[in-house]
Amino acid sequence: MKNAKNFLFTAFLFLSTVCFSPQSANPLANTEWNGIANIPSPEEITFKFSNDTIDLVFQETLRKK
């Protein structure tokens, strides 16, 4: 009986630590990254990060002169 109580207490502590621990903050949240994607032709793009989504925005087609 004592072993069962110890096991249940240990399992409860482990699960409460895993389930109720605060989630880490997203370091990319509310940032924008600009660049050029060369697939299939050069395009200026922006990645907009929020807490749980990523938006990919195509800005303007770059033309080689």
N, C-alpha and C. Protein backbone atom coordinates (compact mmCIF):
# COMPACT_ATOMS: atom_id res chain seq x y z
N MET A 1 0.82 -1.19 0.00
CA MET A 1 0.00 0.00 0.00
C MET A 1 0.87 1.27 0.00
N LYS A 2 1.97 1.20 0.76
CA LYS A 2 2.86 2.36 0.83
C LYS A 2 3.51 2.62 -0.52
N ASN A 3 3.87 1.55 -1.25
CA ASN A 3 4.47 1.71 -2.57
C ASN A 3 3.48 2.35 -3.54
N ALA A 4 2.22 1.98 -3.46
CA ALA A 4 1.21 2.56 -4.34
C ALA A 4 1.03 4.05 -4.05
N LYS A 5 1.03 4.42 -2.77
CA LYS A 5 0.89 5.83 -2.41
C LYS A 5 2.09 6.63 -2.91
N ASN A 6 3.29 6.09 -2.75
CA ASN A 6 4.49 6.77 -3.24
C ASN A 6 4.46 6.92 -4.76
N PHE A 7 4.02 5.86 -5.44
CA PHE A 7 3.94 5.93 -6.90
C PHE A 7 2.93 6.99 -7.34
N LEU A 8 1.75 7.00 -6.73
CA LEU A 8 0.73 7.98 -7.09
C LEU A 8 1.17 9.40 -6.78
N PHE A 9 1.83 9.60 -5.65
CA PHE A 9 2.34 10.92 -5.30
C PHE A 9 3.40 11.38 -6.28
N THR A 10 4.32 10.50 -6.65
CA THR A 10 5.37 10.83 -7.62
C THR A 10 4.77 11.12 -8.99
N ALA A 11 3.80 10.31 -9.41
CA ALA A 11 3.14 10.54 -10.70
C ALA A 11 2.40 11.88 -10.69
N PHE A 12 1.73 12.20 -9.59
CA PHE A 12 1.03 13.48 -9.49
C PHE A 12 2.00 14.65 -9.59
N LEU A 13 3.11 14.59 -8.89
CA LEU A 13 4.11 15.66 -8.94
C LEU A 13 4.67 15.83 -10.35
N PHE A 14 4.97 14.72 -11.00
CA PHE A 14 5.52 14.78 -12.36
C PHE A 14 4.50 15.38 -13.32
N LEU A 15 3.28 14.90 -13.28
CA LEU A 15 2.24 15.39 -14.20
C LEU A 15 1.89 16.85 -13.93
N SER A 16 1.87 17.25 -12.67
CA SER A 16 1.56 18.65 -12.38
C SER A 16 2.69 19.56 -12.85
N THR A 17 3.90 19.09 -12.79
CA THR A 17 5.03 19.88 -13.28
C THR A 17 4.97 20.03 -14.79
N VAL A 18 4.65 18.96 -15.49
CA VAL A 18 4.59 18.99 -16.96
C VAL A 18 3.36 19.75 -17.44
N CYS A 19 2.23 19.50 -16.87
CA CYS A 19 0.98 20.07 -17.36
C CYS A 19 0.79 21.54 -16.99
N PHE A 20 1.27 21.94 -15.85
CA PHE A 20 1.00 23.29 -15.37
C PHE A 20 2.19 24.23 -15.47
N SER A 21 3.28 23.78 -16.09
CA SER A 21 4.42 24.68 -16.22
C SER A 21 4.13 25.72 -17.31
N PRO A 22 4.58 26.94 -17.12
CA PRO A 22 4.32 27.98 -18.13
C PRO A 22 5.05 27.67 -19.43
N GLN A 23 4.40 27.97 -20.54
CA GLN A 23 5.02 27.74 -21.83
C GLN A 23 6.01 28.84 -22.11
N SER A 24 7.07 28.49 -22.83
CA SER A 24 8.09 29.49 -23.14
C SER A 24 7.54 30.47 -24.17
N ALA A 25 7.99 31.70 -24.10
CA ALA A 25 7.53 32.74 -25.01
C ALA A 25 8.16 32.54 -26.38
N ASN A 26 7.45 32.93 -27.41
CA ASN A 26 7.93 32.82 -28.78
C ASN A 26 8.88 33.98 -29.06
N PRO A 27 10.17 33.71 -29.31
CA PRO A 27 11.11 34.81 -29.53
C PRO A 27 10.89 35.55 -30.85
N LEU A 28 10.18 34.94 -31.80
CA LEU A 28 9.93 35.58 -33.10
C LEU A 28 8.62 36.36 -33.14
N ALA A 29 7.83 36.30 -32.08
CA ALA A 29 6.52 36.96 -32.08
C ALA A 29 6.66 38.45 -32.32
N ASN A 30 5.76 38.98 -33.14
CA ASN A 30 5.68 40.40 -33.48
C ASN A 30 6.95 40.92 -34.15
N THR A 31 7.54 40.07 -35.00
CA THR A 31 8.70 40.50 -35.79
C THR A 31 8.40 40.28 -37.27
N GLU A 32 9.16 40.97 -38.12
CA GLU A 32 9.05 40.82 -39.58
C GLU A 32 10.44 40.59 -40.14
N TRP A 33 10.54 39.66 -41.09
CA TRP A 33 11.80 39.34 -41.73
C TRP A 33 11.62 39.53 -43.22
N ASN A 34 12.46 40.37 -43.81
CA ASN A 34 12.40 40.65 -45.24
C ASN A 34 13.52 39.91 -45.96
N GLY A 35 13.24 39.54 -47.20
CA GLY A 35 14.27 38.86 -47.99
C GLY A 35 13.82 38.69 -49.42
N ILE A 36 14.63 37.98 -50.18
CA ILE A 36 14.33 37.71 -51.58
C ILE A 36 14.29 36.21 -51.77
N ALA A 37 13.18 35.73 -52.31
CA ALA A 37 13.03 34.31 -52.63
C ALA A 37 13.25 34.15 -54.13
N ASN A 38 14.11 33.22 -54.52
CA ASN A 38 14.45 33.01 -55.92
C ASN A 38 13.74 31.79 -56.50
N ILE A 39 12.49 31.57 -56.13
CA ILE A 39 11.75 30.42 -56.63
C ILE A 39 10.48 30.89 -57.29
N PRO A 40 10.23 30.77 -58.52
CA PRO A 40 11.16 30.48 -59.62
C PRO A 40 11.90 31.72 -60.09
N SER A 41 11.40 32.91 -59.77
CA SER A 41 12.10 34.15 -60.13
C SER A 41 12.21 35.00 -58.87
N PRO A 42 13.14 35.96 -58.82
CA PRO A 42 13.33 36.75 -57.61
C PRO A 42 12.06 37.52 -57.21
N GLU A 43 11.63 37.30 -55.98
CA GLU A 43 10.46 37.98 -55.42
C GLU A 43 10.85 38.53 -54.05
N GLU A 44 10.48 39.76 -53.78
CA GLU A 44 10.71 40.32 -52.45
C GLU A 44 9.58 39.84 -51.55
N ILE A 45 9.95 39.24 -50.41
CA ILE A 45 8.95 38.66 -49.51
C ILE A 45 9.18 39.18 -48.09
N THR A 46 8.15 39.06 -47.29
CA THR A 46 8.22 39.40 -45.87
C THR A 46 7.53 38.30 -45.08
N PHE A 47 8.22 37.77 -44.08
CA PHE A 47 7.62 36.85 -43.13
C PHE A 47 7.17 37.68 -41.93
N LYS A 48 5.89 37.62 -41.59
CA LYS A 48 5.36 38.33 -40.43
C LYS A 48 4.96 37.28 -39.39
N PHE A 49 5.64 37.31 -38.25
CA PHE A 49 5.41 36.35 -37.19
C PHE A 49 4.52 36.96 -36.12
N SER A 50 3.55 36.18 -35.65
CA SER A 50 2.76 36.56 -34.48
C SER A 50 2.91 35.42 -33.47
N ASN A 51 2.11 35.42 -32.44
CA ASN A 51 2.27 34.40 -31.40
C ASN A 51 2.10 32.98 -31.92
N ASP A 52 1.15 32.77 -32.82
CA ASP A 52 0.89 31.40 -33.27
C ASP A 52 0.73 31.26 -34.78
N THR A 53 1.04 32.30 -35.55
CA THR A 53 0.92 32.21 -37.00
C THR A 53 2.12 32.85 -37.69
N ILE A 54 2.32 32.45 -38.95
CA ILE A 54 3.33 33.05 -39.82
C ILE A 54 2.62 33.47 -41.10
N ASP A 55 2.75 34.73 -41.48
CA ASP A 55 2.20 35.22 -42.73
C ASP A 55 3.34 35.46 -43.70
N LEU A 56 3.19 34.99 -44.93
CA LEU A 56 4.17 35.22 -45.98
C LEU A 56 3.56 36.20 -46.95
N VAL A 57 4.21 37.36 -47.13
CA VAL A 57 3.67 38.43 -47.98
C VAL A 57 4.62 38.62 -49.16
N PHE A 58 4.08 38.49 -50.38
CA PHE A 58 4.83 38.79 -51.59
C PHE A 58 4.64 40.28 -51.86
N GLN A 59 5.75 41.01 -51.97
CA GLN A 59 5.62 42.46 -52.12
C GLN A 59 5.59 42.87 -53.59
N GLU A 60 6.69 42.84 -54.26
CA GLU A 60 6.76 43.33 -55.62
C GLU A 60 7.74 42.47 -56.40
N THR A 61 7.44 42.19 -57.64
CA THR A 61 8.36 41.39 -58.44
C THR A 61 9.60 42.20 -58.78
N LEU A 62 10.76 41.62 -58.51
CA LEU A 62 12.01 42.28 -58.86
C LEU A 62 12.37 41.93 -60.29
N ARG A 63 12.77 42.91 -61.04
CA ARG A 63 13.11 42.69 -62.43
C ARG A 63 14.59 42.97 -62.65
N LYS A 64 15.24 42.05 -63.33
CA LYS A 64 16.65 42.24 -63.64
C LYS A 64 16.78 43.24 -64.77
N LYS A 65 17.72 44.16 -64.64
CA LYS A 65 17.93 45.18 -65.68
C LYS A 65 19.18 44.87 -66.45
